[in-house]
């Protein structure tokens, strides 16, 4: 169910990206990253507060996964961070427990995006093999290192990467 939602809504996000002017993309992305950073930063406290007041059910999680599919199809580079943040907030799942499901959903969203980009002839085929090799090696090394780190180290590293990426995208979009 999660993969199907992610694929369908990943297609929608990718189509949205194809139709979005570059200038608009540059303005939107820093705000999406800032949202991810805030949810990660306040995630534990916000999750505890939220779960003490309401129960998050399956329909909410499925709706969020659909939104993550759109986000992943639109901006694959930030969806891992926002997935970690939202799953933590809504399902009270810690980052370390998310490695497998997050990776699977990222792969599905990226597959949807690839289908759209191929359909619109936006793929530079000569770059595919180096990108694929880099992704596989980086993913493997990241998982290897991530499994050895403490939950606190994973959280700190994620916050540092998200914060740094957010700052870079704000500077890129708004000057500085």
C-alpha atoms as a PDB file:
ATOM      1  CA  UNK A   1       0.000   0.000   0.000  1.00  0.00           C
ATOM      2  CA  UNK A   2       2.775   2.448   0.939  1.00  0.00           C
ATOM      3  CA  UNK A   3       4.754   1.701  -2.214  1.00  0.00           C
ATOM      4  CA  UNK A   4       1.700   2.107  -4.441  1.00  0.00           C
ATOM      5  CA  UNK A   5       0.831   5.454  -2.877  1.00  0.00           C
ATOM      6  CA  UNK A   6       4.423   6.611  -3.092  1.00  0.00           C
ATOM      7  CA  UNK A   7       4.679   5.665  -6.770  1.00  0.00           C
ATOM      8  CA  UNK A   8       1.392   7.261  -7.851  1.00  0.00           C
ATOM      9  CA  UNK A   9       1.994  10.466  -5.927  1.00  0.00           C
ATOM     10  CA  UNK A  10       5.684  10.418  -6.915  1.00  0.00           C
ATOM     11  CA  UNK A  11       4.509  10.603 -10.522  1.00  0.00           C
ATOM     12  CA  UNK A  12       2.382  13.623  -9.601  1.00  0.00           C
ATOM     13  CA  UNK A  13       5.294  15.321  -7.827  1.00  0.00           C
ATOM     14  CA  UNK A  14       7.601  14.691 -10.776  1.00  0.00           C
ATOM     15  CA  UNK A  15       5.069  16.137 -13.201  1.00  0.00           C
ATOM     16  CA  UNK A  16       4.750  19.148 -10.922  1.00  0.00           C
ATOM     17  CA  UNK A  17       8.536  19.560 -11.002  1.00  0.00           C
ATOM     18  CA  UNK A  18       8.608  19.370 -14.801  1.00  0.00           C
ATOM     19  CA  UNK A  19       6.000  22.145 -14.923  1.00  0.00           C
ATOM     20  CA  UNK A  20       7.637  24.335 -12.239  1.00  0.00           C
ATOM     21  CA  UNK A  21       9.855  27.168 -13.476  1.00  0.00           C
ATOM     22  CA  UNK A  22      13.396  27.039 -12.060  1.00  0.00           C
ATOM     23  CA  UNK A  23      12.923  30.362 -10.257  1.00  0.00           C
ATOM     24  CA  UNK A  24       9.855  29.024  -8.447  1.00  0.00           C
ATOM     25  CA  UNK A  25      11.668  25.809  -7.504  1.00  0.00           C
ATOM     26  CA  UNK A  26      14.547  27.843  -6.046  1.00  0.00           C
ATOM     27  CA  UNK A  27      12.108  29.799  -3.866  1.00  0.00           C
ATOM     28  CA  UNK A  28      10.067  26.775  -2.677  1.00  0.00           C
ATOM     29  CA  UNK A  29      12.874  24.351  -1.749  1.00  0.00           C
ATOM     30  CA  UNK A  30      14.427  26.273   1.180  1.00  0.00           C
ATOM     31  CA  UNK A  31      11.035  26.407   2.890  1.00  0.00           C
ATOM     32  CA  UNK A  32      10.474  22.668   2.458  1.00  0.00           C
ATOM     33  CA  UNK A  33      13.912  22.032   3.945  1.00  0.00           C
ATOM     34  CA  UNK A  34      13.238  24.440   6.818  1.00  0.00           C
ATOM     35  CA  UNK A  35      10.038  22.540   7.570  1.00  0.00           C
ATOM     36  CA  UNK A  36      12.001  19.270   7.635  1.00  0.00           C
ATOM     37  CA  UNK A  37      14.613  20.826   9.925  1.00  0.00           C
ATOM     38  CA  UNK A  38      11.974  22.164  12.348  1.00  0.00           C
ATOM     39  CA  UNK A  39      10.153  18.839  12.511  1.00  0.00           C
ATOM     40  CA  UNK A  40      13.461  17.034  13.128  1.00  0.00           C
ATOM     41  CA  UNK A  41      14.563  19.571  15.744  1.00  0.00           C
ATOM     42  CA  UNK A  42      11.324  19.520  17.702  1.00  0.00           C
ATOM     43  CA  UNK A  43      10.279  16.024  16.622  1.00  0.00           C
ATOM     44  CA  UNK A  44      10.645  14.175  19.928  1.00  0.00           C
ATOM     45  CA  UNK A  45       8.910  16.858  21.980  1.00  0.00           C
ATOM     46  CA  UNK A  46       6.281  17.448  19.317  1.00  0.00           C
ATOM     47  CA  UNK A  47       5.659  13.695  18.943  1.00  0.00           C
ATOM     48  CA  UNK A  48       5.290  13.247  22.702  1.00  0.00           C
ATOM     49  CA  UNK A  49       2.909  16.225  22.872  1.00  0.00           C
ATOM     50  CA  UNK A  50       0.894  15.000  19.872  1.00  0.00           C
ATOM     51  CA  UNK A  51       0.660  11.378  21.048  1.00  0.00           C
ATOM     52  CA  UNK A  52      -0.471  12.421  24.521  1.00  0.00           C
ATOM     53  CA  UNK A  53      -3.510  14.111  22.960  1.00  0.00           C
ATOM     54  CA  UNK A  54      -4.530  12.022  19.937  1.00  0.00           C
ATOM     55  CA  UNK A  55      -3.994   8.661  18.287  1.00  0.00           C
ATOM     56  CA  UNK A  56      -2.633   8.782  14.772  1.00  0.00           C
ATOM     57  CA  UNK A  57      -4.407   6.170  12.698  1.00  0.00           C
ATOM     58  CA  UNK A  58      -3.772   4.410   9.442  1.00  0.00           C
ATOM     59  CA  UNK A  59      -5.653   6.964   7.270  1.00  0.00           C
ATOM     60  CA  UNK A  60      -3.409   9.767   8.541  1.00  0.00           C
ATOM     61  CA  UNK A  61      -0.247   7.786   7.886  1.00  0.00           C
ATOM     62  CA  UNK A  62      -1.445   6.854   4.378  1.00  0.00           C
ATOM     63  CA  UNK A  63      -2.280  10.502   3.616  1.00  0.00           C
ATOM     64  CA  UNK A  64       1.152  11.556   4.845  1.00  0.00           C
ATOM     65  CA  UNK A  65       2.787   8.859   2.702  1.00  0.00           C
ATOM     66  CA  UNK A  66       0.926  10.210  -0.337  1.00  0.00           C
ATOM     67  CA  UNK A  67       2.284  13.688   0.443  1.00  0.00           C
ATOM     68  CA  UNK A  68       5.756  12.202   0.875  1.00  0.00           C
ATOM     69  CA  UNK A  69       5.358  10.653  -2.582  1.00  0.00           C
ATOM     70  CA  UNK A  70       4.621  14.085  -4.059  1.00  0.00           C
ATOM     71  CA  UNK A  71       7.541  15.568  -2.139  1.00  0.00           C
ATOM     72  CA  UNK A  72       9.857  12.744  -3.252  1.00  0.00           C
ATOM     73  CA  UNK A  73       8.852  13.078  -6.871  1.00  0.00           C
ATOM     74  CA  UNK A  74       9.305  16.835  -6.693  1.00  0.00           C
ATOM     75  CA  UNK A  75      12.493  17.054  -4.612  1.00  0.00           C
ATOM     76  CA  UNK A  76      14.105  13.673  -4.069  1.00  0.00           C
ATOM     77  CA  UNK A  77      17.084  15.218  -2.295  1.00  0.00           C
ATOM     78  CA  UNK A  78      15.075  16.224   0.746  1.00  0.00           C
ATOM     79  CA  UNK A  79      12.500  13.469   1.056  1.00  0.00           C
ATOM     80  CA  UNK A  80      14.653  11.212   3.246  1.00  0.00           C
ATOM     81  CA  UNK A  81      14.923  13.964   5.831  1.00  0.00           C
ATOM     82  CA  UNK A  82      11.231  14.809   5.800  1.00  0.00           C
ATOM     83  CA  UNK A  83      10.274  11.108   5.893  1.00  0.00           C
ATOM     84  CA  UNK A  84      12.400  10.628   8.983  1.00  0.00           C
ATOM     85  CA  UNK A  85      10.877  13.710  10.571  1.00  0.00           C
ATOM     86  CA  UNK A  86       7.237  12.931   9.790  1.00  0.00           C
ATOM     87  CA  UNK A  87       7.392   9.238  10.654  1.00  0.00           C
ATOM     88  CA  UNK A  88       8.984  10.226  13.933  1.00  0.00           C
ATOM     89  CA  UNK A  89       6.293  12.803  14.582  1.00  0.00           C
ATOM     90  CA  UNK A  90       3.258  10.759  13.548  1.00  0.00           C
ATOM     91  CA  UNK A  91       4.227   7.157  14.222  1.00  0.00           C
ATOM     92  CA  UNK A  92       6.736   7.805  17.001  1.00  0.00           C
ATOM     93  CA  UNK A  93       9.373   5.837  15.075  1.00  0.00           C
ATOM     94  CA  UNK A  94      13.003   6.660  15.810  1.00  0.00           C
ATOM     95  CA  UNK A  95      15.441   7.418  12.937  1.00  0.00           C
ATOM     96  CA  UNK A  96      17.397   4.200  13.401  1.00  0.00           C
ATOM     97  CA  UNK A  97      14.219   2.138  12.929  1.00  0.00           C
ATOM     98  CA  UNK A  98      13.471   3.904   9.642  1.00  0.00           C
ATOM     99  CA  UNK A  99      16.459   2.909   7.535  1.00  0.00           C
ATOM    100  CA  UNK A 100      14.762   0.086   5.603  1.00  0.00           C
ATOM    101  CA  UNK A 101      11.297   1.596   5.026  1.00  0.00           C
ATOM    102  CA  UNK A 102      12.742   5.018   4.219  1.00  0.00           C
ATOM    103  CA  UNK A 103      15.153   3.545   1.675  1.00  0.00           C
ATOM    104  CA  UNK A 104      12.390   1.494   0.049  1.00  0.00           C
ATOM    105  CA  UNK A 105      10.035   4.475  -0.235  1.00  0.00           C
ATOM    106  CA  UNK A 106      12.837   6.694  -1.582  1.00  0.00           C
ATOM    107  CA  UNK A 107      13.560   4.077  -4.250  1.00  0.00           C
ATOM    108  CA  UNK A 108       9.878   3.961  -5.249  1.00  0.00           C
ATOM    109  CA  UNK A 109       9.606   7.770  -5.427  1.00  0.00           C
ATOM    110  CA  UNK A 110      12.819   7.922  -7.467  1.00  0.00           C
ATOM    111  CA  UNK A 111      11.496   5.235  -9.824  1.00  0.00           C
ATOM    112  CA  UNK A 112       8.357   7.307 -10.395  1.00  0.00           C
ATOM    113  CA  UNK A 113      10.469  10.397 -11.034  1.00  0.00           C
ATOM    114  CA  UNK A 114      12.706   8.469 -13.440  1.00  0.00           C
ATOM    115  CA  UNK A 115       9.659   7.364 -15.426  1.00  0.00           C
ATOM    116  CA  UNK A 116       8.486  10.964 -15.794  1.00  0.00           C
ATOM    117  CA  UNK A 117      11.943  12.313 -16.636  1.00  0.00           C
ATOM    118  CA  UNK A 118      12.500   9.585 -19.236  1.00  0.00           C
ATOM    119  CA  UNK A 119       9.058  10.311 -20.682  1.00  0.00           C
ATOM    120  CA  UNK A 120       9.944  14.006 -21.024  1.00  0.00           C
ATOM    121  CA  UNK A 121      13.421  13.174 -22.470  1.00  0.00           C
ATOM    122  CA  UNK A 122      15.138  14.930 -19.546  1.00  0.00           C
ATOM    123  CA  UNK A 123      17.706  12.223 -18.793  1.00  0.00           C
ATOM    124  CA  UNK A 124      21.381  12.594 -19.632  1.00  0.00           C
ATOM    125  CA  UNK A 125      22.079   8.917 -20.229  1.00  0.00           C
ATOM    126  CA  UNK A 126      25.868   9.336 -20.161  1.00  0.00           C
ATOM    127  CA  UNK A 127      25.609  10.388 -16.483  1.00  0.00           C
ATOM    128  CA  UNK A 128      23.404   7.480 -15.361  1.00  0.00           C
ATOM    129  CA  UNK A 129      26.095   4.861 -14.658  1.00  0.00           C
ATOM    130  CA  UNK A 130      28.312   7.159 -12.523  1.00  0.00           C
ATOM    131  CA  UNK A 131      25.235   8.422 -10.647  1.00  0.00           C
ATOM    132  CA  UNK A 132      23.993   4.875 -10.089  1.00  0.00           C
ATOM    133  CA  UNK A 133      27.369   3.705  -8.832  1.00  0.00           C
ATOM    134  CA  UNK A 134      27.679   6.716  -6.536  1.00  0.00           C
ATOM    135  CA  UNK A 135      24.182   6.161  -5.175  1.00  0.00           C
ATOM    136  CA  UNK A 136      24.747   2.469  -4.492  1.00  0.00           C
ATOM    137  CA  UNK A 137      28.137   2.997  -2.857  1.00  0.00           C
ATOM    138  CA  UNK A 138      26.924   6.015  -0.872  1.00  0.00           C
ATOM    139  CA  UNK A 139      23.773   4.217   0.248  1.00  0.00           C
ATOM    140  CA  UNK A 140      25.692   1.127   1.267  1.00  0.00           C
ATOM    141  CA  UNK A 141      28.325   3.106   3.195  1.00  0.00           C
ATOM    142  CA  UNK A 142      25.663   5.319   4.766  1.00  0.00           C
ATOM    143  CA  UNK A 143      23.718   2.293   5.992  1.00  0.00           C
ATOM    144  CA  UNK A 144      26.883   0.630   7.253  1.00  0.00           C
ATOM    145  CA  UNK A 145      27.899   3.720   9.226  1.00  0.00           C
ATOM    146  CA  UNK A 146      24.346   4.537  10.336  1.00  0.00           C
ATOM    147  CA  UNK A 147      23.822   1.105  11.870  1.00  0.00           C
ATOM    148  CA  UNK A 148      26.930   1.597  14.024  1.00  0.00           C
ATOM    149  CA  UNK A 149      26.036   5.076  15.259  1.00  0.00           C
ATOM    150  CA  UNK A 150      23.976   5.772  18.349  1.00  0.00           C
ATOM    151  CA  UNK A 151      20.489   7.204  17.959  1.00  0.00           C
ATOM    152  CA  UNK A 152      21.797  10.522  19.313  1.00  0.00           C
ATOM    153  CA  UNK A 153      24.638  10.608  16.753  1.00  0.00           C
ATOM    154  CA  UNK A 154      22.212   9.891  13.898  1.00  0.00           C
ATOM    155  CA  UNK A 155      19.950  12.694  15.142  1.00  0.00           C
ATOM    156  CA  UNK A 156      22.796  15.199  15.483  1.00  0.00           C
ATOM    157  CA  UNK A 157      24.217  14.299  12.071  1.00  0.00           C
ATOM    158  CA  UNK A 158      20.770  14.565  10.469  1.00  0.00           C
ATOM    159  CA  UNK A 159      20.174  17.963  12.060  1.00  0.00           C
ATOM    160  CA  UNK A 160      23.589  19.230  10.941  1.00  0.00           C
ATOM    161  CA  UNK A 161      23.083  18.069   7.359  1.00  0.00           C
ATOM    162  CA  UNK A 162      19.516  19.389   7.217  1.00  0.00           C
ATOM    163  CA  UNK A 163      20.468  22.719   8.776  1.00  0.00           C
ATOM    164  CA  UNK A 164      23.463  23.181   6.491  1.00  0.00           C
ATOM    165  CA  UNK A 165      21.500  22.222   3.400  1.00  0.00           C
ATOM    166  CA  UNK A 166      18.682  24.583   4.389  1.00  0.00           C
ATOM    167  CA  UNK A 167      21.098  27.497   4.828  1.00  0.00           C
ATOM    168  CA  UNK A 168      22.722  26.812   1.453  1.00  0.00           C
ATOM    169  CA  UNK A 169      19.365  26.734  -0.313  1.00  0.00           C
ATOM    170  CA  UNK A 170      18.205  29.942   1.404  1.00  0.00           C
ATOM    171  CA  UNK A 171      21.417  31.704   0.350  1.00  0.00           C
ATOM    172  CA  UNK A 172      21.011  30.376  -3.184  1.00  0.00           C
ATOM    173  CA  UNK A 173      17.389  31.526  -3.366  1.00  0.00           C
ATOM    174  CA  UNK A 174      17.569  34.869  -1.591  1.00  0.00           C
ATOM    175  CA  UNK A 175      21.227  35.922  -1.940  1.00  0.00           C
ATOM    176  CA  UNK A 176      23.570  36.609   0.865  1.00  0.00           C
END
